[in-house]
Amino acid sequence: MEHELKEIIRKCDLAIKQEDFDFLMNYYTEDAVLVVKPGMVANGKAEINKAFIAIAAYFKNSIEPKQGEMMILEAGDTALVLSQTLLASDKEETTYSMERKATYVFRKNTEGEWLCAIDNSYGTELIGIDKI
């Protein structure tokens, strides 16, 4: 049986592709953290929403994220997701890798729904970077 987080992540990827960031914010905790790029972090839903708008503009409103292989490690109300994240876009040149080994942390809220608390599509690539 497929873990329910895989379906949630698929919905989030589709929301990013469709630039439905209001819908996307339903899947983040209030205090969530998004690694926008190495050296830049967005904190909380308002900043994360603005960051996704900027990311969409950077990729000429054509970004399409997909997940490849995925491993989910669950402990109580917390889950670590290790995922091969693939980004497609019309933007020909970018300084950022379009294939990443992402790390996501999800927590269940009081209603039992999984919400993303840490969204780090760069994964361990951040190790060795002076400032996050």
Protein backbone atom coordinates (compact mmCIF):
# COMPACT_ATOMS: atom_id res chain seq x y z
CA MET A 1 0.00 0.00 0.00
CA GLU A 2 1.29 3.43 -0.93
CA HIS A 3 1.95 5.88 1.91
CA GLU A 4 -0.56 8.75 1.97
CA LEU A 5 2.28 11.29 1.94
CA LYS A 6 3.10 10.32 -1.65
CA GLU A 7 -0.37 11.46 -2.75
CA ILE A 8 -0.10 14.67 -0.72
CA ILE A 9 3.26 15.46 -2.34
CA ARG A 10 1.77 14.76 -5.79
CA LYS A 11 -1.03 17.24 -5.02
CA CYS A 12 1.54 19.82 -3.91
CA ASP A 13 3.60 19.32 -7.07
CA LEU A 14 0.47 19.84 -9.18
CA ALA A 15 -0.43 22.99 -7.23
CA ILE A 16 3.08 24.35 -7.89
CA LYS A 17 2.77 23.57 -11.60
CA GLN A 18 -0.66 25.24 -11.73
CA GLU A 19 0.60 28.12 -9.54
CA ASP A 20 -2.26 27.53 -7.09
CA PHE A 21 -0.23 28.69 -4.12
CA ASP A 22 -3.25 29.39 -1.90
CA PHE A 23 -4.20 25.70 -2.21
CA LEU A 24 -0.56 24.71 -1.66
CA MET A 25 -0.43 26.60 1.65
CA ASN A 26 -3.07 24.19 3.03
CA TYR A 27 -0.30 21.58 3.20
CA TYR A 28 2.17 23.64 5.28
CA THR A 29 2.33 24.16 9.03
CA GLU A 30 2.01 27.76 10.25
CA ASP A 31 5.69 27.74 11.28
CA ALA A 32 6.99 25.88 8.21
CA VAL A 33 10.40 26.51 6.69
CA LEU A 34 11.13 26.45 2.95
CA VAL A 35 14.67 26.44 1.60
CA VAL A 36 14.19 28.78 -1.35
CA LYS A 37 17.79 28.40 -2.49
CA PRO A 38 21.10 27.91 -0.74
CA GLY A 39 21.48 30.87 1.58
CA MET A 40 17.79 31.84 1.51
CA VAL A 41 14.99 30.48 3.72
CA ALA A 42 11.32 31.46 3.92
CA ASN A 43 9.66 31.15 7.34
CA GLY A 44 5.91 30.76 7.78
CA LYS A 45 3.11 30.50 5.24
CA ALA A 46 3.12 34.16 4.17
CA GLU A 47 6.84 34.13 3.29
CA ILE A 48 6.58 30.70 1.68
CA ASN A 49 3.68 31.85 -0.50
CA LYS A 50 5.72 34.89 -1.66
CA ALA A 51 8.72 32.65 -2.28
CA PHE A 52 6.72 30.31 -4.53
CA ILE A 53 5.50 33.30 -6.55
CA ALA A 54 9.12 34.44 -6.99
CA ILE A 55 10.27 30.90 -7.86
CA ALA A 56 7.54 30.64 -10.51
CA ALA A 57 8.67 33.97 -12.02
CA TYR A 58 12.33 32.84 -11.99
CA PHE A 59 11.36 29.75 -13.99
CA LYS A 60 9.22 31.83 -16.38
CA ASN A 61 6.00 30.40 -14.94
CA SER A 62 6.79 26.98 -16.37
CA ILE A 63 8.13 24.95 -13.43
CA GLU A 64 6.93 21.38 -13.16
CA PRO A 65 8.16 19.40 -10.15
CA LYS A 66 7.89 15.61 -9.99
CA GLN A 67 9.14 13.06 -7.53
CA GLY A 68 11.13 10.02 -8.51
CA GLU A 69 12.16 7.44 -5.94
CA MET A 70 10.88 8.23 -2.47
CA MET A 71 11.52 6.83 1.00
CA ILE A 72 9.32 7.73 3.96
CA LEU A 73 10.47 7.20 7.54
CA GLU A 74 7.64 7.67 10.03
CA ALA A 75 7.85 7.99 13.83
CA GLY A 76 4.58 8.85 15.55
CA ASP A 77 3.32 12.19 14.27
CA THR A 78 6.51 12.99 12.31
CA ALA A 79 7.74 11.76 8.94
CA LEU A 80 10.98 12.30 7.09
CA VAL A 81 10.64 12.08 3.32
CA LEU A 82 13.75 11.47 1.22
CA SER A 83 12.95 12.00 -2.41
CA GLN A 84 14.47 12.29 -5.82
CA THR A 85 12.95 15.58 -6.98
CA LEU A 86 12.97 16.39 -10.68
CA LEU A 87 12.23 19.88 -11.96
CA ALA A 88 11.30 20.68 -15.55
CA SER A 89 10.97 24.20 -16.90
CA ASP A 90 11.11 26.33 -20.04
CA LYS A 91 14.01 28.26 -18.50
CA GLU A 92 17.08 27.05 -20.37
CA GLU A 93 19.80 28.18 -17.98
CA THR A 94 19.71 28.02 -14.22
CA THR A 95 22.44 27.91 -11.62
CA TYR A 96 20.40 25.39 -9.61
CA SER A 97 20.29 21.66 -10.20
CA MET A 98 17.08 20.41 -11.75
CA GLU A 99 17.54 16.97 -10.20
CA ARG A 100 17.78 17.00 -6.44
CA LYS A 101 17.80 14.67 -3.46
CA ALA A 102 15.21 16.45 -1.37
CA THR A 103 14.41 16.15 2.31
CA TYR A 104 10.98 17.02 3.65
CA VAL A 105 9.68 16.81 7.21
CA PHE A 106 5.95 16.37 7.77
CA ARG A 107 3.98 16.51 11.03
CA LYS A 108 0.43 15.43 11.73
CA ASN A 109 -1.82 18.16 13.06
CA THR A 110 -4.49 17.62 15.74
CA GLU A 111 -6.92 16.43 13.03
CA GLY A 112 -4.43 13.79 11.89
CA GLU A 113 -3.57 15.54 8.61
CA TRP A 114 0.02 15.54 7.35
CA LEU A 115 1.47 19.04 6.92
CA CYS A 116 4.92 20.00 5.70
CA ALA A 117 7.08 21.60 8.39
CA ILE A 118 10.40 21.64 6.50
CA ASP A 119 10.61 21.77 2.71
CA ASN A 120 14.20 21.38 1.55
CA SER A 121 14.42 20.41 -2.10
CA TYR A 122 18.22 20.79 -1.92
CA GLY A 123 18.62 18.05 0.70
CA THR A 124 22.16 17.47 1.84
CA GLU A 125 23.57 19.74 -0.90
CA LEU A 126 23.29 22.45 1.78
CA ILE A 127 26.04 20.82 3.83
CA GLY A 128 29.14 22.96 3.57
CA ILE A 129 27.24 26.11 2.70
CA ASP A 130 28.16 28.78 5.22
CA LYS A 131 24.73 30.29 5.71
CA ILE A 132 21.21 28.97 5.30
